[in-house]
Each structure stands twice: as structure tokens, then as C-alpha cells.
Amino acid sequence: MKYNTPTHPEPDAKLLRSAKKGNHQAFAELVRNYEDLVYSFAFKVCRNKDKASETLQDTFVNVYRKLDQFDHRSKFTTWLYSIVTNNCLMKNRRTKLDEASISIDSVPLPHESDNHHRDEVIPEWRSTPLDKVMNSELKDLLDNAIQKLPSDYRIVFILRDVEGRSAEETAKILKLTVPAVKSRLRRARVFLREQLNQYMTS
């Protein structure tokens, strides 16, 4: 399945400096440049327009309050993703979405004991046969399957296979180790393939 992942360049250094100094016009430009990224990602995680809109507002309130704390050790977009993620996780706790998700920690992985090339065992979704059979019905089934993922796994899958973030950047966003990101991604991919198995093998 191919996703059209937009590229979001880093903000101009001058713009960022101006926003940090309290220039409201510069901050408004930052919002305009990144509001689509924030809303799109929030909706993919929350699966709810109202929650995504709330997350959009909350995120830029957080950015406004904490912009002077951004130290450039990571990319601005990485920092922004981490704020959106935290807001989404808070909104998803104890909601019907998380109640509907199921545990996938016990999902067996192919070649679990093989330490060689484990990352290649389950390829990313962009290179699967879903490309050949994608239609609105399958898209709905995939969306429903993604919703069944626990939020910790859902966010890793969305960041890696939908947003196209690297394992290293995803680890920074979620404050995880790279091996932890890869492990969650493998389990998420296995789970989703099992959910859609009859459509991928028919």
C-alpha cells in the first residue's frame, strides 16, 4: 500500500528565531506551515475529527509555550511529532478506541529466534501486494485493523509506514530505543497482515 507522504522541510532559521523572540507574525507562519502535518497525524492516531482538531489546538499551545526550550538537538519536525504524540496519547487513554484495541504482545513473529535480518522479515506496507487490490473496501478494512492496534503500536506503525519516519527518528519522537521501535513495528505489521490475510491471499 502506498501512502502519499508529504515532505515538510525544516523551518527557516530566521523565522524560528523570530518566533522564539515572541514575534506573533512569525509564530503564525509556523502554524500555517505545519498545521496540516499536525492535524493529519493526529487524525491518523485518534481516528476522530474532533479529537484531531483539539490536538491541533493543544499542540500549538504547547509549541508556543515551549518554543524557547527547543534546542535544535533534533529536527523541528521531530520535536513537533513528539508533542502531537503526547497529546494524542493523553486523549486516547481510557477511550473506546483503546478499549477496542487488543493486546498483540503475544503475537508470534516469524524467525523469532533468528537474530539475522530480523528487520526484513516483515516488509513495510509500501511493498506489499495491497498495491494491486487497493479499493475503498480494503481501505476501510485496513483502517479498522489499525484501530485495533494498541496506541503504542499504532503510533509506531503510523510514524514508520504511513508518515515515512525513520526508525531512529521514531525512537527520538517516542523516547524509545531503536530496537524497541523495530520490535513494535514488526508486531504491528504481523497483526495487520493476519487481520487482512484473506484479502491478501485470495
Protein backbone atom coordinates (compact mmCIF):
# COMPACT_ATOMS: atom_id res chain seq x y z
CA MET A 1 0.00 0.00 0.00
CA LYS A 2 1.47 3.35 -0.98
CA TYR A 3 0.91 6.46 1.03
CA ASN A 4 1.47 9.95 -0.30
CA THR A 5 3.73 11.21 2.45
CA PRO A 6 4.24 14.97 2.11
CA THR A 7 7.67 16.34 2.82
CA HIS A 8 7.90 19.00 5.49
CA PRO A 9 11.16 20.94 5.33
CA GLU A 10 12.65 22.38 8.46
CA PRO A 11 11.56 25.95 9.26
CA ASP A 12 13.77 28.81 8.18
CA ALA A 13 16.25 29.58 10.97
CA LYS A 14 15.39 33.28 10.88
CA LEU A 15 11.68 32.50 11.17
CA LEU A 16 12.30 30.22 14.12
CA ARG A 17 14.46 32.79 15.88
CA SER A 18 11.80 35.45 15.40
CA ALA A 19 9.07 33.17 16.74
CA LYS A 20 11.24 32.33 19.76
CA LYS A 21 11.61 36.04 20.48
CA GLY A 22 7.84 36.42 20.64
CA ASN A 23 7.15 37.63 17.11
CA HIS A 24 3.48 36.69 16.70
CA GLN A 25 3.57 37.02 12.92
CA ALA A 26 6.48 34.59 12.73
CA PHE A 27 4.71 32.13 15.02
CA ALA A 28 1.54 32.40 12.91
CA GLU A 29 3.61 31.49 9.87
CA LEU A 30 4.99 28.44 11.71
CA VAL A 31 1.42 27.37 12.45
CA ARG A 32 0.39 27.79 8.81
CA ASN A 33 3.40 25.78 7.65
CA TYR A 34 2.78 22.82 9.96
CA GLU A 35 -0.92 22.73 10.83
CA ASP A 36 -1.66 20.24 8.03
CA LEU A 37 1.05 17.88 9.30
CA VAL A 38 -0.22 18.12 12.87
CA TYR A 39 -3.89 17.60 12.01
CA SER A 40 -3.22 14.78 9.56
CA PHE A 41 -1.04 12.85 12.00
CA ALA A 42 -3.42 13.50 14.90
CA PHE A 43 -6.36 12.19 12.90
CA LYS A 44 -4.50 9.04 11.87
CA VAL A 45 -3.79 8.31 15.53
CA CYS A 46 -7.04 9.50 17.14
CA ARG A 47 -9.37 8.44 14.27
CA ASN A 48 -11.72 11.23 15.30
CA LYS A 49 -12.08 14.68 13.71
CA ASP A 50 -12.98 16.44 16.96
CA LYS A 51 -10.04 14.91 18.81
CA ALA A 52 -7.73 15.73 15.92
CA SER A 53 -8.91 19.36 15.98
CA GLU A 54 -8.42 19.53 19.74
CA THR A 55 -4.97 18.01 19.37
CA LEU A 56 -4.13 20.59 16.71
CA GLN A 57 -5.02 23.41 19.08
CA ASP A 58 -3.33 21.82 22.10
CA THR A 59 -0.17 21.13 20.12
CA PHE A 60 0.36 24.71 19.03
CA VAL A 61 -0.44 25.98 22.52
CA ASN A 62 2.34 23.66 23.73
CA VAL A 63 4.65 24.81 20.94
CA TYR A 64 4.01 28.47 21.81
CA ARG A 65 4.74 27.86 25.48
CA LYS A 66 7.80 25.67 24.93
CA LEU A 67 9.35 27.08 21.78
CA ASP A 68 12.20 28.66 23.72
CA GLN A 69 13.02 25.16 25.02
CA PHE A 70 13.61 23.80 21.52
CA ASP A 71 17.39 23.31 21.49
CA HIS A 72 17.92 22.11 17.89
CA ARG A 73 19.34 18.78 19.07
CA SER A 74 16.67 17.17 16.91
CA LYS A 75 14.81 18.39 13.86
CA PHE A 76 11.93 20.77 14.48
CA THR A 77 9.53 18.28 12.87
CA THR A 78 10.77 15.53 15.20
CA TRP A 79 10.11 17.78 18.19
CA LEU A 80 6.68 18.65 16.77
CA TYR A 81 5.76 14.98 16.23
CA SER A 82 6.68 14.24 19.84
CA ILE A 83 4.30 16.95 21.10
CA VAL A 84 1.47 15.71 18.88
CA THR A 85 2.11 12.14 20.03
CA ASN A 86 1.91 13.07 23.71
CA ASN A 87 -1.33 14.96 23.15
CA CYS A 88 -2.84 12.08 21.17
CA LEU A 89 -1.88 9.54 23.81
CA MET A 90 -3.47 11.61 26.55
CA LYS A 91 -6.69 11.90 24.57
CA ASN A 92 -6.78 8.20 23.72
CA ARG A 93 -6.35 6.95 27.28
CA ARG A 94 -9.44 5.27 28.65
CA THR A 95 -11.40 5.93 25.46
CA LYS A 96 -13.43 3.46 23.44
CA LEU A 97 -10.64 3.40 20.86
CA ASP A 98 -8.12 1.99 23.30
CA GLU A 99 -10.74 -0.22 24.92
CA ALA A 100 -11.41 -1.71 21.49
CA SER A 101 -7.75 -2.43 20.87
CA ILE A 102 -6.35 -5.82 21.74
CA SER A 103 -3.04 -6.99 23.09
CA ILE A 104 -0.55 -8.06 20.44
CA ASP A 105 2.44 -8.64 22.72
CA SER A 106 1.99 -12.38 22.36
CA VAL A 107 1.76 -12.38 18.56
CA PRO A 108 4.41 -14.86 17.36
CA LEU A 109 6.90 -13.44 14.91
CA PRO A 110 8.43 -15.39 12.04
CA HIS A 111 12.01 -16.45 12.80
CA GLU A 112 11.70 -15.06 16.33
CA SER A 113 14.91 -16.77 17.37
CA ASP A 114 16.85 -15.65 14.31
CA ASN A 115 18.91 -12.58 15.08
CA HIS A 116 19.95 -12.05 11.47
CA HIS A 117 18.00 -9.75 9.16
CA ARG A 118 15.02 -9.64 11.51
CA ASP A 119 14.02 -6.19 10.24
CA GLU A 120 13.49 -7.59 6.75
CA VAL A 121 11.18 -10.41 7.82
CA ILE A 122 8.08 -8.25 7.69
CA PRO A 123 8.42 -5.66 4.89
CA GLU A 124 6.81 -2.26 5.10
CA TRP A 125 3.35 -1.84 3.64
CA ARG A 126 4.52 0.15 0.64
CA SER A 127 5.98 -3.02 -0.90
CA THR A 128 3.09 -5.42 -0.39
CA PRO A 129 0.51 -6.92 -2.80
CA LEU A 130 -2.02 -4.46 -1.37
CA ASP A 131 -0.96 -2.16 -4.20
CA LYS A 132 -2.73 -4.47 -6.67
CA VAL A 133 -6.02 -4.81 -4.86
CA MET A 134 -6.46 -1.49 -3.09
CA ASN A 135 -10.06 -0.29 -3.13
CA SER A 136 -12.38 1.52 -0.77
CA GLU A 137 -13.49 -1.70 0.92
CA LEU A 138 -9.94 -2.81 1.65
CA LYS A 139 -9.00 0.67 2.81
CA ASP A 140 -11.86 0.57 5.32
CA LEU A 141 -10.76 -2.87 6.50
CA LEU A 142 -7.19 -1.65 6.93
CA ASP A 143 -8.37 1.43 8.83
CA ASN A 144 -10.43 -0.78 11.13
CA ALA A 145 -7.48 -3.13 11.67
CA ILE A 146 -5.19 -0.20 12.51
CA GLN A 147 -7.74 0.98 15.07
CA LYS A 148 -7.49 -2.39 16.80
CA LEU A 149 -3.79 -1.86 17.43
CA PRO A 150 -2.95 -0.66 20.95
CA SER A 151 -1.99 3.01 20.75
CA ASP A 152 1.71 2.33 21.44
CA TYR A 153 1.89 0.06 18.41
CA ARG A 154 -0.47 2.14 16.28
CA ILE A 155 1.70 5.24 16.67
CA VAL A 156 4.87 3.35 15.73
CA PHE A 157 3.17 1.88 12.65
CA ILE A 158 1.82 5.26 11.57
CA LEU A 159 5.12 7.05 12.09
CA ARG A 160 7.13 4.40 10.23
CA ASP A 161 4.86 3.05 7.50
CA VAL A 162 2.43 5.92 6.95
CA GLU A 163 4.44 9.04 7.77
CA GLY A 164 7.68 7.55 6.48
CA ARG A 165 9.79 8.46 9.52
CA SER A 166 13.00 6.50 10.06
CA ALA A 167 13.43 4.09 12.96
CA GLU A 168 15.94 6.49 14.52
CA GLU A 169 13.60 9.50 14.27
CA THR A 170 10.64 7.46 15.53
CA ALA A 171 12.73 6.43 18.53
CA LYS A 172 13.51 10.08 19.28
CA ILE A 173 9.85 11.09 18.91
CA LEU A 174 8.64 8.35 21.25
CA LYS A 175 11.67 8.36 23.55
CA LEU A 176 12.28 4.68 22.86
CA THR A 177 15.29 2.69 21.79
CA VAL A 178 15.60 1.82 18.11
CA PRO A 179 15.28 -1.93 18.89
CA ALA A 180 12.03 -1.21 20.78
CA VAL A 181 10.67 0.68 17.77
CA LYS A 182 11.60 -2.16 15.42
CA SER A 183 10.03 -4.74 17.72
CA ARG A 184 6.74 -2.85 17.97
CA LEU A 185 6.69 -2.27 14.23
CA ARG A 186 7.25 -5.96 13.46
CA ARG A 187 4.39 -6.97 15.76
CA ALA A 188 2.09 -4.31 14.31
CA ARG A 189 2.82 -5.49 10.76
CA VAL A 190 2.26 -9.15 11.66
CA PHE A 191 -1.01 -8.31 13.39
CA LEU A 192 -2.32 -6.24 10.47
CA ARG A 193 -1.39 -8.92 7.96
CA GLU A 194 -3.26 -11.51 9.99
CA GLN A 195 -6.28 -9.22 10.11
CA LEU A 196 -6.25 -8.83 6.32
CA ASN A 197 -4.92 -12.27 5.49
CA GLN A 198 -7.94 -13.48 3.50
CA TYR A 199 -7.82 -10.38 1.29
CA MET A 200 -4.06 -10.54 0.74
CA THR A 201 -4.00 -14.23 -0.16
CA SER A 202 -7.20 -14.52 -2.19
